[in-house]
Structure formats: structure tokens, C-alpha cells
Amino acid sequence: MLPVVAKIQVFLAPSRDLPSLNEQTDIVALISYGPRTYGVCIGAFRSSFQLVSALQPRTCGFSSLYAWQRKNVTGPDFVLHDGPPYANGKPHMGHAINKILKDITLRHKLLQGHKVHYVPGWDCHGLPIELKVLQGDLSKQASLTAIDVRKKARDVAVEAIDKQKSVFRCWGILADWDDCYYTFDTKYIKNQLSQFYHMFQLGLIFRDMKPVFWSPSSRTALAEAELEYNPSHRSTAVTARLRLTHLPESLGAHTSEEVFALVWTTTPWTLPLTRAICFNPHLQYSLCTLDSSGCTYIVASELVDSLHNKLNKTVITLATFSGSCLNEASYQHPCCPEEELPFLPGDHVNVTKGTGLAHCVPAHGPDDFLIALKHNLAVECHVDGDGCFSDKAPGSLRGLPVLTKGTEAALQLLSGDILHVEDYERLKEVSFHPKHSGVSMSGGGLVSQLKRRPYWCISRQRVWGVPIPVLYHKVDGRAIINRSLLEQVCTLMDTHGTDAWWSLPVEQIVSEEWLLEQKVTAQELEKGQDILDIWFDSGVSWSCVLDDKVADLYMEGVDQFTGWFQSSLLTSVALKDRAPYRNVFVHGFAVDDKGRKMSKSVGNVVDPVDIVQGGKNPQKQPALGIDTLRWWVSSHATQHATVPVSQSTLQDSKDAVHKLRLVLKFLLGALHDYPPLTTREPESGDSFTPLDQYMLHLLWSLNQQILGMYENYQYNTVCATLVNFVTNQVSAFYCHIIKDRLYCEHESNPRRRDCQTVLFYILETLTGAFAPVVPHLAEEIYLYHPHYTGSRSVFRGGVVAPSPHWNRPHLLQQMNTVLELRRQVNKAAPTPNTWELDAVVFSQGDVFTTLQLFQAEEYSSESQLSEILQVSSVRLSNEPNSAQVQLERTFPTDFTLEWILFIVNRTMPSKLARSDEALVTIFALS
């Protein structure tokens, strides 16, 4: 409520006796009598806790904490399954975000009594490592055997794992570091092959043709999750006409001219390979003429105007009809006039661009492939492994790169039917490393069910991975795979290592008995050269790491929706008929301060190791410490899809930690002479003052909020709430108010002991609240705590949790009354040092009853009320006539007052001798 302000005259006698009052109101008078002398303070604080941490991770005992909790904690398991980072390169900000968020989650669960299960892993196979071995030059592969490449690739992976693991441990990550999983381990590979064969037996894996993203430079299929997209790629888009050979009867009456279907494509090299035209049966189409061409064209009705603007020709609509009418139509192949091809319905056809008609090439597009499956069209590939037209393509195109000269040749071949050519900017998939455009091509592969598409190509044409254990007959090409073959391969891996598939000939891989059963000889067989997709590699990690458990949580970056989240889900549903996780949490990925992806070539990479330890130039890259890095991750990584890394946000995190350490140092110093508690059970606080009880209530409320935030992964809100609470409730409010008690009371005074007890609980509650985020700081607090001095661990012994007895919501209204009075005192005081003032408070009704809870006596210089108001003394009365103040004032007759605050505006008592009249301001609160 807003105060009513009026100026009045107050007449004061030159003594400290109070004049009379005739008004029936509540009045607060603040009278200044100059500075007071308090004598020598006894509260000499002592603490060796430093404002800059010098604590090393090894002193925290985190290296043995995981094993300790697995042995000693009796609560329920909390299982967080680690999505394996790639074993390539040094740790980056993405690692920091992922690992620290996981660690915050696990440490919170541990403090809540859970036994946590977290086995870190590494994804050790794949094309990036193989390319690193070849130093980006695939021509070098010819001079290296498969065994050479695999040995060098393993060395690259091991080196990266050692670097990453060392840094992760320095970050304080709680994990089973002695039993990590690696996808190149023999045990892991054998389990993977077993799961693969189980899915094969279920009929979920088979060999067939399917369009896949293909890297011509790497000569291997690519998963969608392995693609990068160039948002500014410019393609050649064309509008072409295809002659109809059969027109639906309902349209024949509208034209006697030749009829063409207009198709639009951004891959014109596929036009000579067309096998159907797709239309949307739910759209309206128009039969149109263009100028005086003498021909009639079919286009979606909604795109007629667009066609006019594009071709700059007059378009006349002859008829409009439903797309379903095109079911009866057929058209002529542009390169083979004798071949008649169908029109087919397809829901993927839309009117956002183009003509509303799309030509279909089953082997070279995912939507086209689905149409082919539905309508039994042949899936025939016309592109070879080098990205060139194969021998199955029309003669003039054979051997030409499809994306360059092949496109030019296709346009030349169909020049008579090309109506418009344009540059079109679109997202274009490119290979994640070789930096060449990808081509959708059809290839032999093993396929499993996929969520958004019916097939998932799990074969790759490389050597650094898990072999697909299949033998092929050299004559008829049939594939041979069975349980016996799989078992023999796994046995050989135990004795010859995981390179056995490449190092041993067929006659050493299978037994004579097996050959007799299959009725073949070793000379008739050859080993399959494909390996399993790395997403299948890591996608079955649940079966190797979790035994029969279901993970409580998968926590990875947003990009894993099409990666590990999906591959894990598909394999688990296929094999267990259930999801491998109960919950999935997705965090953002790191970008620079301009929102760009971090890249060495751009020069915008921020190294998390430099953040912690400092860079080569300490002036530009000072060491900010592990607490700052962890606080930054917690504050920024859980609310957006991208997480900008900037010096300003890092500095903000450093400042937040420093602010926290300042208050913690005060709390530790204030407890230097506080006797140790005899029990870890929190006191009820029933005998405490209302102020102390109020602070305990705030602690209980804070703890409930923080627990809820942790449970909902709102780690950014945890940090913001803690900084706000420490700054406003602990430092500016409670610690400020109790300084008189803390500094000036005798050390054995119960009032001083009570506020020390509250400070003890503040320290415990705050430590428990921030421990998951900055665990090193939490253990540092216990290292310097006067009661523990390193004998107790936060994560092994826990903190003293707030008691439910502290929850006193009725105190809020009472404290709000006093705090509102305090705010008005601070606002109206003539001097910043309100301890120079005496207060006279006249109040009635509920307000007086509330104030009596904070001061039972009529006059006191030691009451809770004087302590909270921060004044020298308070005279409290509900009898206005007991005072002798004469004043004149005017208020509305219907105005109800709770109190009136007025302040004598003078700074020195000597002024009183020269004038006994002073101007004051009235604050009336209704």
C-alpha cells in the first residue's frame, strides 16, 4: 500500500522527555541523539577459509566415492546410463555440459539417499577415427591393410580416451572409473554380435536395397545423425514437363491438345531415372494453357499464380479437378518413349513450393522409396560408389558425377522439356568430415525397423568397427549366417582379438564340421566386408552395461533424438519389448557468443580446460577454476537448445561463486567459538526469538524449493535462487540484523548462541543446496568447518537437513508487519546509521499485538524489534495519551491508520539549542 504524505509542525522540549499526544492514532517517532559508543566488541571472527579456492580435487575423496556409495548406501538404485562420447579429440565444451549435468544429477540423488549407478563409456569406432588414421587422405588406404588401419585407429581412440577421462575426473565427475565400457572391447563386441543375431532370428534384420546417404569421398553410407547441413547451399532447380499418354475421361472434354504434367525438382540429375509421378489426392489441380503454346499442362491450383510469376507467361485455367482423378493417368518416360509410367498418390506432395507434382525415383529418395514399397515398384540404383552414373543409366550419362557434369548432361538430354531453370537455396546434407555433398543412393545393407522410416541401414563399408558376421557364396552370392558361425567368430575373438575377422582366412574362421553342414567348401566362401553402423554399436550399450535394469535416465544433447536416444529405443523395443529408459532429459549444445557452432577453422573454440586452468595468455584467459565452470554449466545449459559460451557469462559465474564464498567465510568465522552440537538432529527452534524462527522458516522453504528444482532438472533456477537467497535473505537481512548480538554479546549469552545456531543451520542448508553444483566447494566448507575440520564429508555423511518443525507460515504475516515498518524506517531515516535513532511506536489492535511478539516491554534497547529496526531503542505503547507530543495534522475523516512514522530532521543535538521547532514527514499506512 502507498503511504499518504503530509507535512506537519512538531514541537519538542529540549529534553528527552516525550511531549503529550491527543490524537487517537498509531505513531512511530524516530529521534536522533547523535552517535553512540558501544565499547570493545568481543566477536573476533577467525577462519582460514580463503576467498579463492586452493583445494585440489584429490583432497575431496571423490576418486573413491563411487565405490564407497555402492558398498555403503542402502537406498534404492538410481541408474543413469551414459551415452558414450566419441573417442576422438580432446575434451570440449559439449563434454563439459554433458558430464557436469550428469554429475549434478547423480550427486543430488546421492544426497537424497539413493545408491547411484553410472558407468561411463566411449564410442570407439567410426569414420572420423578412421579418417584421422588416414589423415583425411582416403587414397592412403590402398597402402594400408585392414589390420594396419584398425591398429592405428585403436591407438587414436585409446589416446583420446585417456585424455578425456583424465579431464572428466578433474571435473569431479562421480562415476565407476574402474569399470568403464568401451565399444571396441572384446566383451562388448561379443555382446553386440549376440544382440545382432537375436534380432536377425526375429526377422528384424535382412539384406535388401534401400536409399541411403552416401559419401562418395569416403565411399561409405552415412547415418542421418552423421550429416551436417549447409543452410546456404544453392541447388539447380528445374520445372520440367512430362507428356501424358493417358488422360482421365473426366478431363478429355476440356482439351484436344497434348497434355503435360509439370514437375519441379532440385535434383535434376534424377529426371532421366523417373519411374512415376506423385500427386496428392486431397489437393485441387488445374488444367491450364501457357500463352499460345498449343499445349495443356497440369499443375496444383494453388500454384497457378506462382507458375505465372516464375515463367512470366499468361496462364489460362481450362478446368479444375480433384487430385484423385489422376489415379487413371499415365505418362511417357522422357528418355524411353515406348515406356508408359503411372501416376501414384503420395501424401508427401504439397503446395509449399514447386508445382504440386513430384516425379518419383525409388532408389534415390526416402519418400520415393516408400512409394515404391507401397506400389511394388522396382528399386534400381543408377549411381555407383564414386557418386557417378552407373552403367544402368542412359548412355550419355554413364560415368559422369551426378552432382556436377551429370546434372549438366541430364539438362542437355531433356532440354526440349525443360521450361525453367533456377538457383534454389536449400538445406543440403553434407558429410560430417570429408566436406563433400552427400548423394542418396541405393546399396546392399542390413536393415532394421526405424521409428520415422520403416528401415534403418545398419551396414557401413569401412573396416574400423564391428564386423557383420556373414559369409557369401562366391558363385550365387547367397548370404550364410547362423548361430554356429557367430559362436565360432566370438570364440576366435577371445584368442585372436577383435581383428580376427580380418586377420584369419575363412578356413580358420569356420570348422570342417560347419562346412559339411552347409555343404560348401571354404574356397567357395568369402567374408562380408561391411561393419555395423556405430549407432547400432552404441545403441545396444544398455544390454552390456545395465544387465536387466531399465535406466532411470538418459541425459544427452538435443541432437541425440535422431541418434543414440533413437537407436537405443529401437534395439531395446526389438529385443526386450520395452524402452531402455524411464526418462530422457535433453540439454543444449555449446556455441560461441554469436550463436555459431564452435570450429577450429573458424577459430572460435573455447577450451574448458583453459577455463579451469587458464590459457597460454593469463591476462586474456585467467584460470577461473572448476567451481566457475560447473556453476556456468548449471546456470546456462538446461533452458535452451543452444548454449552460448562468452567471457561475460563466465565472469558472471565467477562473480556468483565469489559472492557465495564471501558469505560462507563470514558464516565459518561466526562459528569459530560455537560449541559442537551433540546430535545431527536439527533443533526445533521453539525457544528461539521470532526473528530466528523466521530465518529457520526461510531455510525450510528454500530447501523445499531447491529439492523440487533438482528433481525437475531446473539447475539454472537452483543457481539463481541460491544467489538471490544468499544476497538478500542471508547477507543483507539476517547477518546484518544480528551483528549486534553476534559482535557485542558475551560468547555464552543465550541470545548469541541462538543466532549462532541459526547461522550453523544456514551454513548446512546452503552447503547441501549447492553441493551437487559445486561439490569441491561443499567439501572445502567441511574441511574448514570448526566442528569437522576435514573429519566429515558432505557426500559420505550428508548435511543437517532443515526440520519440518521450522515450517511456521504464521510467522510470515507477523514478520511482514515488522519488515514493512523496517522499510519505512530505512526510507525516512535522516542518517544511514539508524543505530543513532530512538524509536517511539504507538499502535493498537492486531498491529500492537504483533509488535509485542517482538518486544514485550514498553521500552527496550535489546528487544527483537529494536534489532530488526536497527535502532538504539524502541518505546512501544498502545496508550497515545501517555506521550506528550503536540501536533497539527489533517487527514480524511474515513482514513484508518495502523501507525504514523515521523522523524526529527536534525543530525546533531546542538541544533536543538538553537531551535526547538523541526519539520517532519508523516507516513500514514491504511
Foldseek 3Di string as FASTA:
>chain_A
DFWDWDWWWWFDDLDPAFAFDDDQFWAKEKEFAFDDDQPAWPQDFDFPQDLDDPDFLVLQVLVCLLVVLLPPQDAAEAEEEEQAAELADADAVQNLLFQLLVLLLVLLVLLVRHNYAYAYEHLQFDDVLLCVLVVVQPVCVVVDALVRSQVSSNVRSVVSCVRHVVVSVRLSRRHPPVDHYYLQDLLLLLVLLVLVVVLVVVVQKDKDKAWFWADLNNLKGDAPLQWDKDQFDKAKKFWFWFWWPDAQPVCCVQDPATETEIWMDRQLLCLLQFAEKEAAQAFKWFWKDWAPPRYIYIFTPVCQVVVCVQLVTDIDTRDMDGPVSQQPIWTARLVHRVDIHGYHYAPVQDVPDTGRMHTAQCFFDQSSVVRCVVVVNDHDWQADSNQAGDPVGPDVRHPHRSRPVSSVVSCVSRVVGTSDIDIDRRIFIDRNPSGDGITTGMDIAMWGQFDVGGTDGFKIQGSGAQFNFWKAFPPPGDIDDDPQLSVLLSVCCVVPNRCCLRPDQQPNSDDPVVCVVVVHDSVRIDGDRIHTHSLSSSLCVCVVRVPPAARQEHERAPSCVSGNLRSVQRSCCSPPVDHSYDYYAHKAGEDAPVRHRDDVVVPRTDRVVCQQPNDPDCVVRPHLHSLLSLQLSLQFIRPDNYGHDDPVSSVVSSVLSSLVSVLLSVLLRLCLPQDDDPDLAADLCPPPALVLLVLLQVLQVLLVVLSVCSVVSNSSVLSVSLSCCCVPVPPVADVQLCCCVSTHPDPPDVNNNSSNSSSLVVSLSSLSSCCSRRVSVSQSSQCGRNVRVNVDRCSVPNGRHRDPSSNDVVSVVLVVLLVVVLVVCCVFPLDNQQQSIEMEIAFDDPSLVSVCSQPVDQKDQPTNSCSNSNYRMYGYYPDSRVGRMDMDDDDPPPDHFGYWYWYFNDNHSVVCVVDSMGMIMITTDD
